Amino acid sequence: MTDLAQYTPGPACGARVQKDRGQNGEEKWTLVLVRELRHSPERVWQALTEPAHLREWAPFDADGSLGAVGSSVKLTTVGAPTPRVSETTVTRADAPKALEYNWGGFDMRWQLEDSGGGTRLTLWTNIGHRFIAMGAAGWHICLDVLDRLLSGIPIGRMVGPEAIKFGGWQQLNAEYAKQFGIESPNWPPQATQKS
């Protein structure tokens, strides 16, 4: 494992926010993150769907594969003070191109496009407006960890309170809030800064 102290996230980029209306006319915010990875769609697909891979980078653990339509899988949030388990059913699994399911009430849609031997990975997830910059910062770090894992230089999963205490997360949160034109939440107010 590579020393986590050596990790510094890149600048906040590749993210945007979409505002739509839900079925009942309520505001629905969607975070869209795009990341270019140097790995084939098949390798990225495996990392997105298989429990052993998800344990290395994702903000949740899965008790089964997300790789088949109709699969019922329990997803457990990692790092939460109280484990939050949500059951999901995979609604789309078009390997290695598209994956859709719901995690804790949030729709998750992944698209994988071949990009010159690598993969253009796009994530769409609905998220509360006041948490959208925080979500972007968290997913940014998760995708950095995923990229390093697939490159054979794992740095270890960094999610939940552990990620929030990380100085790089604080900076990403502020940068994404500025890009999205929202007030940067000062949360947690007394976070221990590590760089």
N, C-alpha and C. Protein backbone atom coordinates (compact mmCIF):
# COMPACT_ATOMS: atom_id res chain seq x y z
N MET A 1 0.84 -1.17 0.00
CA MET A 1 0.00 0.00 0.00
C MET A 1 0.88 1.24 0.00
N THR A 2 0.55 2.20 -0.83
CA THR A 2 1.27 3.46 -0.91
C THR A 2 0.92 4.30 0.32
N ASP A 3 1.85 5.09 0.78
CA ASP A 3 1.63 5.95 1.93
C ASP A 3 0.59 7.01 1.59
N LEU A 4 -0.50 7.00 2.35
CA LEU A 4 -1.59 7.95 2.12
C LEU A 4 -1.13 9.39 2.29
N ALA A 5 -0.11 9.61 3.09
CA ALA A 5 0.40 10.97 3.30
C ALA A 5 0.95 11.55 2.01
N GLN A 6 1.29 10.71 1.05
CA GLN A 6 1.83 11.16 -0.24
C GLN A 6 0.72 11.60 -1.20
N TYR A 7 -0.54 11.29 -0.86
CA TYR A 7 -1.67 11.58 -1.77
C TYR A 7 -2.15 13.01 -1.63
N THR A 8 -2.27 13.67 -2.77
CA THR A 8 -2.89 14.99 -2.85
C THR A 8 -3.86 14.95 -4.02
N PRO A 9 -5.13 15.26 -3.78
CA PRO A 9 -6.08 15.23 -4.89
C PRO A 9 -5.79 16.34 -5.89
N GLY A 10 -6.14 16.06 -7.14
CA GLY A 10 -6.02 17.08 -8.17
C GLY A 10 -7.09 18.15 -7.98
N PRO A 11 -7.08 19.17 -8.83
CA PRO A 11 -8.05 20.25 -8.70
C PRO A 11 -9.48 19.77 -8.96
N ALA A 12 -10.42 20.48 -8.39
CA ALA A 12 -11.84 20.20 -8.59
C ALA A 12 -12.17 20.46 -10.06
N CYS A 13 -12.48 19.39 -10.78
CA CYS A 13 -12.84 19.53 -12.19
C CYS A 13 -13.65 18.31 -12.63
N GLY A 14 -14.26 18.42 -13.79
CA GLY A 14 -15.01 17.30 -14.34
C GLY A 14 -16.34 17.07 -13.67
N ALA A 15 -16.88 18.09 -13.01
CA ALA A 15 -18.17 17.93 -12.32
C ALA A 15 -19.10 19.07 -12.70
N ARG A 16 -20.38 18.74 -12.70
CA ARG A 16 -21.40 19.76 -12.93
C ARG A 16 -22.66 19.36 -12.16
N VAL A 17 -23.58 20.29 -12.07
CA VAL A 17 -24.83 20.07 -11.35
C VAL A 17 -25.98 20.28 -12.32
N GLN A 18 -26.95 19.39 -12.26
CA GLN A 18 -28.18 19.53 -13.04
C GLN A 18 -29.33 19.71 -12.05
N LYS A 19 -30.21 20.65 -12.36
CA LYS A 19 -31.39 20.87 -11.53
C LYS A 19 -32.61 20.49 -12.36
N ASP A 20 -33.38 19.55 -11.81
CA ASP A 20 -34.59 19.08 -12.50
C ASP A 20 -35.76 19.16 -11.52
N ARG A 21 -36.90 18.70 -11.99
CA ARG A 21 -38.08 18.59 -11.14
C ARG A 21 -38.40 17.11 -10.97
N GLY A 22 -38.69 16.72 -9.73
CA GLY A 22 -39.08 15.36 -9.44
C GLY A 22 -40.51 15.10 -9.86
N GLN A 23 -40.99 13.91 -9.60
CA GLN A 23 -42.35 13.51 -10.00
C GLN A 23 -43.42 14.38 -9.36
N ASN A 24 -43.14 14.91 -8.17
CA ASN A 24 -44.12 15.73 -7.46
C ASN A 24 -43.81 17.22 -7.58
N GLY A 25 -42.95 17.59 -8.53
CA GLY A 25 -42.62 18.99 -8.76
C GLY A 25 -41.52 19.52 -7.86
N GLU A 26 -40.97 18.69 -6.98
CA GLU A 26 -39.92 19.14 -6.07
C GLU A 26 -38.60 19.29 -6.84
N GLU A 27 -37.72 20.14 -6.31
CA GLU A 27 -36.40 20.29 -6.91
C GLU A 27 -35.62 19.00 -6.76
N LYS A 28 -34.96 18.60 -7.81
CA LYS A 28 -34.13 17.40 -7.78
C LYS A 28 -32.76 17.79 -8.34
N TRP A 29 -31.74 17.63 -7.50
CA TRP A 29 -30.38 18.00 -7.88
C TRP A 29 -29.60 16.75 -8.23
N THR A 30 -28.86 16.82 -9.32
CA THR A 30 -28.05 15.69 -9.74
C THR A 30 -26.61 16.15 -9.91
N LEU A 31 -25.72 15.42 -9.28
CA LEU A 31 -24.28 15.64 -9.43
C LEU A 31 -23.81 14.75 -10.57
N VAL A 32 -23.08 15.34 -11.51
CA VAL A 32 -22.52 14.59 -12.64
C VAL A 32 -21.00 14.74 -12.59
N LEU A 33 -20.32 13.62 -12.45
CA LEU A 33 -18.86 13.61 -12.41
C LEU A 33 -18.33 12.82 -13.60
N VAL A 34 -17.34 13.36 -14.29
CA VAL A 34 -16.71 12.68 -15.41
C VAL A 34 -15.24 12.53 -15.10
N ARG A 35 -14.73 11.32 -15.31
CA ARG A 35 -13.33 11.05 -15.02
C ARG A 35 -12.75 10.19 -16.14
N GLU A 36 -11.60 10.59 -16.62
CA GLU A 36 -10.85 9.80 -17.61
C GLU A 36 -9.93 8.86 -16.85
N LEU A 37 -10.09 7.57 -17.06
CA LEU A 37 -9.25 6.56 -16.42
C LEU A 37 -8.40 5.88 -17.48
N ARG A 38 -7.22 5.43 -17.09
CA ARG A 38 -6.29 4.80 -18.03
C ARG A 38 -6.54 3.30 -18.18
N HIS A 39 -7.66 2.84 -17.71
CA HIS A 39 -7.93 1.41 -17.65
C HIS A 39 -9.12 1.06 -18.54
N SER A 40 -9.15 -0.16 -19.02
CA SER A 40 -10.20 -0.59 -19.95
C SER A 40 -11.57 -0.58 -19.27
N PRO A 41 -12.63 -0.41 -20.06
CA PRO A 41 -13.98 -0.48 -19.49
C PRO A 41 -14.24 -1.79 -18.74
N GLU A 42 -13.66 -2.88 -19.21
CA GLU A 42 -13.86 -4.17 -18.53
C GLU A 42 -13.29 -4.15 -17.11
N ARG A 43 -12.10 -3.57 -16.95
CA ARG A 43 -11.48 -3.49 -15.61
C ARG A 43 -12.26 -2.53 -14.72
N VAL A 44 -12.70 -1.41 -15.28
CA VAL A 44 -13.46 -0.44 -14.49
C VAL A 44 -14.80 -1.06 -14.08
N TRP A 45 -15.44 -1.78 -15.01
CA TRP A 45 -16.72 -2.44 -14.72
C TRP A 45 -16.57 -3.37 -13.52
N GLN A 46 -15.53 -4.15 -13.52
CA GLN A 46 -15.29 -5.09 -12.42
C GLN A 46 -15.16 -4.32 -11.09
N ALA A 47 -14.46 -3.20 -11.11
CA ALA A 47 -14.28 -2.40 -9.90
C ALA A 47 -15.59 -1.78 -9.42
N LEU A 48 -16.52 -1.50 -10.34
CA LEU A 48 -17.80 -0.90 -10.00
C LEU A 48 -18.82 -1.92 -9.51
N THR A 49 -18.61 -3.20 -9.82
CA THR A 49 -19.65 -4.18 -9.56
C THR A 49 -19.30 -5.27 -8.54
N GLU A 50 -18.03 -5.57 -8.36
CA GLU A 50 -17.64 -6.71 -7.53
C GLU A 50 -17.30 -6.29 -6.10
N PRO A 51 -17.87 -6.97 -5.11
CA PRO A 51 -17.68 -6.59 -3.70
C PRO A 51 -16.22 -6.44 -3.28
N ALA A 52 -15.35 -7.35 -3.70
CA ALA A 52 -13.94 -7.26 -3.30
C ALA A 52 -13.28 -5.98 -3.81
N HIS A 53 -13.67 -5.54 -4.98
CA HIS A 53 -13.12 -4.29 -5.54
C HIS A 53 -13.75 -3.07 -4.86
N LEU A 54 -15.08 -3.10 -4.67
CA LEU A 54 -15.77 -1.98 -4.04
C LEU A 54 -15.21 -1.69 -2.65
N ARG A 55 -14.83 -2.74 -1.92
CA ARG A 55 -14.25 -2.57 -0.57
C ARG A 55 -12.96 -1.76 -0.58
N GLU A 56 -12.34 -1.64 -1.72
CA GLU A 56 -11.05 -0.93 -1.81
C GLU A 56 -11.19 0.56 -2.09
N TRP A 57 -12.38 1.01 -2.59
CA TRP A 57 -12.47 2.41 -2.99
C TRP A 57 -13.83 3.07 -2.75
N ALA A 58 -14.92 2.33 -2.74
CA ALA A 58 -16.27 2.91 -2.70
C ALA A 58 -16.69 3.32 -1.29
N PRO A 59 -17.66 4.22 -1.17
CA PRO A 59 -18.13 4.64 0.15
C PRO A 59 -19.10 3.65 0.78
N PHE A 60 -19.27 2.50 0.17
CA PHE A 60 -20.15 1.46 0.71
C PHE A 60 -19.55 0.09 0.42
N ASP A 61 -19.97 -0.88 1.23
CA ASP A 61 -19.66 -2.28 0.98
C ASP A 61 -20.89 -2.93 0.39
N ALA A 62 -20.70 -3.91 -0.48
CA ALA A 62 -21.80 -4.64 -1.09
C ALA A 62 -21.70 -6.11 -0.69
N ASP A 63 -22.85 -6.73 -0.41
CA ASP A 63 -22.83 -8.14 -0.02
C ASP A 63 -23.00 -9.08 -1.21
N GLY A 64 -22.98 -8.50 -2.42
CA GLY A 64 -23.07 -9.30 -3.63
C GLY A 64 -22.70 -8.45 -4.83
N SER A 65 -22.64 -9.08 -5.98
CA SER A 65 -22.27 -8.38 -7.20
C SER A 65 -23.40 -7.46 -7.68
N LEU A 66 -23.01 -6.30 -8.19
CA LEU A 66 -23.94 -5.35 -8.80
C LEU A 66 -23.97 -5.54 -10.32
N GLY A 67 -23.39 -6.63 -10.81
CA GLY A 67 -23.20 -6.80 -12.25
C GLY A 67 -24.33 -7.42 -13.04
N ALA A 68 -25.49 -7.68 -12.43
CA ALA A 68 -26.59 -8.30 -13.17
C ALA A 68 -27.92 -7.63 -12.84
N VAL A 69 -28.72 -7.36 -13.86
CA VAL A 69 -30.04 -6.77 -13.66
C VAL A 69 -30.87 -7.69 -12.77
N GLY A 70 -31.57 -7.08 -11.83
CA GLY A 70 -32.42 -7.84 -10.93
C GLY A 70 -31.73 -8.32 -9.67
N SER A 71 -30.41 -8.21 -9.61
CA SER A 71 -29.68 -8.63 -8.40
C SER A 71 -30.12 -7.77 -7.22
N SER A 72 -30.40 -8.41 -6.11
CA SER A 72 -30.74 -7.72 -4.88
C SER A 72 -29.49 -7.72 -4.01
N VAL A 73 -29.01 -6.54 -3.66
CA VAL A 73 -27.74 -6.40 -2.95
C VAL A 73 -27.91 -5.44 -1.78
N LYS A 74 -27.31 -5.79 -0.64
CA LYS A 74 -27.30 -4.88 0.50
C LYS A 74 -26.04 -4.04 0.42
N LEU A 75 -26.22 -2.72 0.50
CA LEU A 75 -25.11 -1.77 0.48
C LEU A 75 -25.00 -1.14 1.86
N THR A 76 -23.84 -1.23 2.46
CA THR A 76 -23.62 -0.70 3.81
C THR A 76 -22.64 0.47 3.74
N THR A 77 -23.10 1.64 4.18
CA THR A 77 -22.26 2.83 4.19
C THR A 77 -21.06 2.59 5.10
N VAL A 78 -19.88 2.97 4.62
CA VAL A 78 -18.64 2.79 5.37
C VAL A 78 -18.30 4.09 6.10
N GLY A 79 -17.87 3.96 7.33
CA GLY A 79 -17.39 5.12 8.08
C GLY A 79 -18.47 5.91 8.78
N ALA A 80 -19.74 5.52 8.62
CA ALA A 80 -20.81 6.24 9.29
C ALA A 80 -20.81 5.85 10.77
N PRO A 81 -21.18 6.79 11.66
CA PRO A 81 -21.21 6.46 13.09
C PRO A 81 -22.08 5.23 13.38
N THR A 82 -23.19 5.13 12.69
CA THR A 82 -24.06 3.96 12.78
C THR A 82 -24.16 3.38 11.37
N PRO A 83 -23.82 2.11 11.20
CA PRO A 83 -23.89 1.53 9.85
C PRO A 83 -25.29 1.71 9.25
N ARG A 84 -25.31 2.19 8.04
CA ARG A 84 -26.57 2.41 7.32
C ARG A 84 -26.62 1.40 6.18
N VAL A 85 -27.56 0.48 6.28
CA VAL A 85 -27.69 -0.57 5.28
C VAL A 85 -28.93 -0.28 4.44
N SER A 86 -28.75 -0.30 3.13
CA SER A 86 -29.89 -0.14 2.24
C SER A 86 -29.87 -1.29 1.24
N GLU A 87 -31.04 -1.78 0.95
CA GLU A 87 -31.15 -2.85 -0.03
C GLU A 87 -31.44 -2.23 -1.39
N THR A 88 -30.78 -2.72 -2.40
CA THR A 88 -30.99 -2.19 -3.73
C THR A 88 -31.21 -3.33 -4.70
N THR A 89 -31.86 -3.00 -5.79
CA THR A 89 -32.00 -3.94 -6.89
C THR A 89 -31.36 -3.27 -8.10
N VAL A 90 -30.48 -3.97 -8.76
CA VAL A 90 -29.82 -3.42 -9.94
C VAL A 90 -30.86 -3.31 -11.05
N THR A 91 -31.05 -2.10 -11.57
CA THR A 91 -32.06 -1.88 -12.61
C THR A 91 -31.48 -1.88 -14.02
N ARG A 92 -30.16 -1.70 -14.12
CA ARG A 92 -29.50 -1.77 -15.42
C ARG A 92 -28.07 -2.25 -15.22
N ALA A 93 -27.67 -3.22 -16.00
CA ALA A 93 -26.30 -3.75 -15.95
C ALA A 93 -25.94 -4.20 -17.35
N ASP A 94 -25.47 -3.28 -18.14
CA ASP A 94 -25.08 -3.52 -19.52
C ASP A 94 -23.54 -3.50 -19.57
N ALA A 95 -22.94 -4.64 -19.23
CA ALA A 95 -21.47 -4.71 -19.11
C ALA A 95 -20.80 -4.55 -20.46
N PRO A 96 -19.70 -3.83 -20.53
CA PRO A 96 -19.14 -2.92 -19.55
C PRO A 96 -19.48 -1.47 -19.87
N LYS A 97 -20.76 -1.18 -20.08
CA LYS A 97 -21.14 0.17 -20.55
C LYS A 97 -21.98 0.98 -19.58
N ALA A 98 -22.95 0.36 -18.91
CA ALA A 98 -23.87 1.13 -18.08
C ALA A 98 -24.34 0.32 -16.88
N LEU A 99 -24.45 1.00 -15.74
CA LEU A 99 -24.87 0.37 -14.50
C LEU A 99 -25.78 1.34 -13.76
N GLU A 100 -26.93 0.84 -13.27
CA GLU A 100 -27.86 1.69 -12.51
C GLU A 100 -28.44 0.93 -11.33
N TYR A 101 -28.51 1.63 -10.20
CA TYR A 101 -29.11 1.10 -8.99
C TYR A 101 -29.41 2.28 -8.08
N ASN A 102 -29.97 2.02 -6.92
CA ASN A 102 -30.27 3.06 -5.96
C ASN A 102 -29.48 2.77 -4.69
N TRP A 103 -28.86 3.79 -4.13
CA TRP A 103 -28.10 3.63 -2.89
C TRP A 103 -28.63 4.61 -1.86
N GLY A 104 -29.30 4.10 -0.84
CA GLY A 104 -29.80 4.93 0.25
C GLY A 104 -30.76 6.02 -0.20
N GLY A 105 -31.57 5.73 -1.20
CA GLY A 105 -32.53 6.71 -1.71
C GLY A 105 -31.98 7.60 -2.82
N PHE A 106 -30.74 7.39 -3.22
CA PHE A 106 -30.13 8.18 -4.28
C PHE A 106 -29.92 7.31 -5.51
N ASP A 107 -30.42 7.78 -6.63
CA ASP A 107 -30.21 7.07 -7.90
C ASP A 107 -28.75 7.18 -8.29
N MET A 108 -28.18 6.05 -8.70
CA MET A 108 -26.78 5.99 -9.14
C MET A 108 -26.77 5.46 -10.56
N ARG A 109 -26.17 6.23 -11.46
CA ARG A 109 -26.04 5.78 -12.85
C ARG A 109 -24.59 5.98 -13.28
N TRP A 110 -23.98 4.89 -13.74
CA TRP A 110 -22.60 4.91 -14.20
C TRP A 110 -22.59 4.61 -15.69
N GLN A 111 -21.82 5.38 -16.43
CA GLN A 111 -21.62 5.12 -17.86
C GLN A 111 -20.13 4.97 -18.11
N LEU A 112 -19.78 3.93 -18.87
CA LEU A 112 -18.39 3.66 -19.20
C LEU A 112 -18.25 3.72 -20.71
N GLU A 113 -17.37 4.58 -21.20
CA GLU A 113 -17.13 4.70 -22.64
C GLU A 113 -15.67 4.43 -22.93
N ASP A 114 -15.42 3.61 -23.95
CA ASP A 114 -14.05 3.35 -24.37
C ASP A 114 -13.45 4.67 -24.83
N SER A 115 -12.26 4.95 -24.33
CA SER A 115 -11.61 6.22 -24.64
C SER A 115 -10.14 5.97 -24.94
N GLY A 116 -9.85 5.49 -26.14
CA GLY A 116 -8.47 5.27 -26.57
C GLY A 116 -7.71 4.31 -25.67
N GLY A 117 -8.31 3.18 -25.34
CA GLY A 117 -7.65 2.21 -24.49
C GLY A 117 -7.97 2.40 -23.01
N GLY A 118 -8.52 3.54 -22.66
CA GLY A 118 -8.94 3.82 -21.29
C GLY A 118 -10.45 3.89 -21.23
N THR A 119 -10.94 4.54 -20.19
CA THR A 119 -12.39 4.64 -19.99
C THR A 119 -12.75 6.05 -19.58
N ARG A 120 -13.77 6.59 -20.23
CA ARG A 120 -14.40 7.82 -19.74
C ARG A 120 -15.55 7.34 -18.85
N LEU A 121 -15.41 7.58 -17.56
CA LEU A 121 -16.39 7.15 -16.58
C LEU A 121 -17.24 8.34 -16.18
N THR A 122 -18.56 8.20 -16.26
CA THR A 122 -19.47 9.27 -15.86
C THR A 122 -20.41 8.73 -14.79
N LEU A 123 -20.53 9.46 -13.71
CA LEU A 123 -21.45 9.14 -12.63
C LEU A 123 -22.51 10.22 -12.53
N TRP A 124 -23.77 9.80 -12.50
CA TRP A 124 -24.88 10.69 -12.20
C TRP A 124 -25.46 10.20 -10.88
N THR A 125 -25.62 11.09 -9.89
CA THR A 125 -26.28 10.72 -8.65
C THR A 125 -27.06 11.91 -8.13
N ASN A 126 -28.31 11.65 -7.74
CA ASN A 126 -29.08 12.74 -7.16
C ASN A 126 -28.65 12.91 -5.71
N ILE A 127 -28.65 14.16 -5.25
CA ILE A 127 -28.13 14.48 -3.92
C ILE A 127 -28.76 15.79 -3.48
N GLY A 128 -28.93 15.96 -2.19
CA GLY A 128 -29.50 17.20 -1.67
C GLY A 128 -28.62 18.39 -2.03
N HIS A 129 -29.25 19.50 -2.40
CA HIS A 129 -28.53 20.69 -2.86
C HIS A 129 -27.47 21.15 -1.87
N ARG A 130 -27.79 21.16 -0.59
CA ARG A 130 -26.81 21.69 0.37
C ARG A 130 -25.62 20.74 0.58
N PHE A 131 -25.72 19.51 0.09
CA PHE A 131 -24.63 18.55 0.23
C PHE A 131 -23.89 18.27 -1.09
N ILE A 132 -24.24 18.97 -2.14
CA ILE A 132 -23.74 18.61 -3.47
C ILE A 132 -22.23 18.85 -3.61
N ALA A 133 -21.69 19.92 -3.03
CA ALA A 133 -20.24 20.15 -3.10
C ALA A 133 -19.51 19.11 -2.26
N MET A 134 -20.08 18.77 -1.11
CA MET A 134 -19.49 17.74 -0.26
C MET A 134 -19.47 16.39 -0.99
N GLY A 135 -20.58 16.09 -1.64
CA GLY A 135 -20.65 14.84 -2.41
C GLY A 135 -19.64 14.81 -3.54
N ALA A 136 -19.49 15.95 -4.23
CA ALA A 136 -18.51 16.02 -5.32
C ALA A 136 -17.10 15.79 -4.79
N ALA A 137 -16.78 16.40 -3.64
CA ALA A 137 -15.45 16.22 -3.04
C ALA A 137 -15.23 14.76 -2.66
N GLY A 138 -16.23 14.14 -2.05
CA GLY A 138 -16.11 12.75 -1.64
C GLY A 138 -15.94 11.81 -2.82
N TRP A 139 -16.78 11.97 -3.84
CA TRP A 139 -16.67 11.11 -5.02
C TRP A 139 -15.36 11.37 -5.77
N HIS A 140 -14.89 12.61 -5.79
CA HIS A 140 -13.61 12.94 -6.41
C HIS A 140 -12.51 12.08 -5.78
N ILE A 141 -12.47 12.06 -4.45
CA ILE A 141 -11.44 11.27 -3.76
C ILE A 141 -11.64 9.78 -4.01
N CYS A 142 -12.89 9.31 -3.96
CA CYS A 142 -13.15 7.89 -4.25
C CYS A 142 -12.63 7.51 -5.63
N LEU A 143 -12.86 8.37 -6.62
CA LEU A 143 -12.42 8.05 -7.99
C LEU A 143 -10.90 8.12 -8.11
N ASP A 144 -10.25 9.01 -7.35
CA ASP A 144 -8.78 9.01 -7.30
C ASP A 144 -8.27 7.68 -6.74
N VAL A 145 -8.90 7.23 -5.64
CA VAL A 145 -8.50 5.97 -5.02
C VAL A 145 -8.73 4.82 -6.00
N LEU A 146 -9.85 4.84 -6.72
CA LEU A 146 -10.14 3.81 -7.73
C LEU A 146 -9.07 3.79 -8.81
N ASP A 147 -8.71 4.95 -9.32
CA ASP A 147 -7.70 5.03 -10.38
C ASP A 147 -6.37 4.45 -9.91
N ARG A 148 -5.96 4.80 -8.71
CA ARG A 148 -4.70 4.27 -8.18
C ARG A 148 -4.78 2.76 -7.94
N LEU A 149 -5.92 2.30 -7.46
CA LEU A 149 -6.11 0.86 -7.25
C LEU A 149 -5.95 0.10 -8.57
N LEU A 150 -6.61 0.58 -9.62
CA LEU A 150 -6.53 -0.07 -10.92
C LEU A 150 -5.14 0.04 -11.54
N SER A 151 -4.37 1.03 -11.12
CA SER A 151 -2.99 1.20 -11.61
C SER A 151 -1.99 0.35 -10.85
N GLY A 152 -2.47 -0.36 -9.83
CA GLY A 152 -1.59 -1.21 -9.04
C GLY A 152 -0.84 -0.48 -7.96
N ILE A 153 -1.26 0.75 -7.64
CA ILE A 153 -0.63 1.52 -6.56
C ILE A 153 -1.71 1.98 -5.57
N PRO A 154 -2.34 1.02 -4.88
CA PRO A 154 -3.46 1.37 -3.99
C PRO A 154 -3.01 2.24 -2.83
N ILE A 155 -3.89 3.18 -2.46
CA ILE A 155 -3.61 4.03 -1.30
C ILE A 155 -4.60 3.77 -0.18
N GLY A 156 -5.59 2.92 -0.42
CA GLY A 156 -6.58 2.60 0.60
C GLY A 156 -7.79 3.49 0.52
N ARG A 157 -8.91 2.92 0.85
CA ARG A 157 -10.19 3.64 0.81
C ARG A 157 -10.18 4.78 1.82
N MET A 158 -10.73 5.94 1.38
CA MET A 158 -10.83 7.11 2.24
C MET A 158 -12.24 7.66 2.06
N VAL A 159 -13.11 7.37 3.03
CA VAL A 159 -14.51 7.77 2.93
C VAL A 159 -15.03 8.25 4.29
N GLY A 160 -16.22 8.82 4.26
CA GLY A 160 -16.89 9.24 5.49
C GLY A 160 -16.08 10.24 6.29
N PRO A 161 -16.15 10.15 7.63
CA PRO A 161 -15.45 11.11 8.49
C PRO A 161 -13.94 11.15 8.23
N GLU A 162 -13.36 10.02 7.84
CA GLU A 162 -11.92 9.99 7.54
C GLU A 162 -11.60 10.92 6.37
N ALA A 163 -12.43 10.90 5.35
CA ALA A 163 -12.21 11.77 4.18
C ALA A 163 -12.43 13.23 4.55
N ILE A 164 -13.46 13.49 5.35
CA ILE A 164 -13.79 14.87 5.71
C ILE A 164 -12.67 15.52 6.53
N LYS A 165 -11.96 14.74 7.32
CA LYS A 165 -10.85 15.26 8.12
C LYS A 165 -9.61 15.53 7.27
N PHE A 166 -9.60 14.98 6.07
CA PHE A 166 -8.46 15.12 5.17
C PHE A 166 -8.46 16.52 4.56
N GLY A 167 -7.34 17.23 4.66
CA GLY A 167 -7.25 18.61 4.16
C GLY A 167 -7.60 18.73 2.68
N GLY A 168 -7.27 17.72 1.88
CA GLY A 168 -7.61 17.76 0.46
C GLY A 168 -9.10 17.78 0.21
N TRP A 169 -9.85 17.09 1.07
CA TRP A 169 -11.32 17.10 0.95
C TRP A 169 -11.86 18.49 1.22
N GLN A 170 -11.34 19.14 2.25
CA GLN A 170 -11.79 20.49 2.59
C GLN A 170 -11.59 21.44 1.41
N GLN A 171 -10.43 21.35 0.78
CA GLN A 171 -10.15 22.22 -0.37
C GLN A 171 -11.08 21.90 -1.54
N LEU A 172 -11.26 20.60 -1.83
CA LEU A 172 -12.16 20.21 -2.92
C LEU A 172 -13.59 20.69 -2.65
N ASN A 173 -14.05 20.53 -1.42
CA ASN A 173 -15.39 20.96 -1.05
C ASN A 173 -15.57 22.45 -1.35
N ALA A 174 -14.60 23.27 -0.96
CA ALA A 174 -14.67 24.72 -1.20
C ALA A 174 -14.62 25.03 -2.71
N GLU A 175 -13.73 24.34 -3.45
CA GLU A 175 -13.61 24.58 -4.89
C GLU A 175 -14.89 24.19 -5.63
N TYR A 176 -15.46 23.03 -5.29
CA TYR A 176 -16.70 22.62 -5.96
C TYR A 176 -17.85 23.55 -5.61
N ALA A 177 -17.94 23.99 -4.35
CA ALA A 177 -18.99 24.93 -3.97
C ALA A 177 -18.89 26.20 -4.81
N LYS A 178 -17.68 26.70 -5.00
CA LYS A 178 -17.47 27.91 -5.81
C LYS A 178 -17.88 27.65 -7.27
N GLN A 179 -17.46 26.50 -7.83
CA GLN A 179 -17.82 26.17 -9.22
C GLN A 179 -19.32 26.06 -9.40
N PHE A 180 -20.01 25.49 -8.39
CA PHE A 180 -21.45 25.27 -8.50
C PHE A 180 -22.25 26.51 -8.12
N GLY A 181 -21.56 27.56 -7.62
CA GLY A 181 -22.25 28.79 -7.24
C GLY A 181 -23.10 28.63 -5.99
N ILE A 182 -22.61 27.82 -5.05
CA ILE A 182 -23.36 27.63 -3.81
C ILE A 182 -22.46 28.01 -2.64
N GLU A 183 -23.08 28.26 -1.51
CA GLU A 183 -22.30 28.60 -0.32
C GLU A 183 -21.58 27.35 0.15
N SER A 184 -20.31 27.51 0.44
CA SER A 184 -19.50 26.39 0.91
C SER A 184 -19.84 26.12 2.36
N PRO A 185 -20.41 24.94 2.63
CA PRO A 185 -20.73 24.65 4.02
C PRO A 185 -19.45 24.45 4.82
N ASN A 186 -19.37 25.07 5.98
CA ASN A 186 -18.21 24.91 6.85
C ASN A 186 -18.49 23.70 7.74
N TRP A 187 -18.35 22.52 7.13
CA TRP A 187 -18.68 21.30 7.86
C TRP A 187 -17.61 20.27 7.67
N PRO A 188 -17.17 19.62 8.67
CA PRO A 188 -17.45 19.93 10.05
C PRO A 188 -16.65 21.16 10.47
N PRO A 189 -17.19 21.99 11.35
CA PRO A 189 -16.55 23.27 11.67
C PRO A 189 -15.15 23.12 12.26
N GLN A 190 -14.91 22.10 13.05
CA GLN A 190 -13.62 21.95 13.70
C GLN A 190 -12.87 20.72 13.17
N ALA A 191 -12.99 20.45 11.89
CA ALA A 191 -12.33 19.26 11.31
C ALA A 191 -10.82 19.36 11.51
N THR A 192 -10.25 18.25 11.88
CA THR A 192 -8.81 18.16 11.99
C THR A 192 -8.23 18.16 10.58
N GLN A 193 -7.37 19.07 10.28
CA GLN A 193 -6.81 19.17 8.94
C GLN A 193 -5.57 18.31 8.82
N LYS A 194 -5.56 17.44 7.83
CA LYS A 194 -4.37 16.66 7.48
C LYS A 194 -4.07 16.95 6.03
N SER A 195 -2.82 17.01 5.69
CA SER A 195 -2.53 17.17 4.27
C SER A 195 -1.62 16.12 3.77
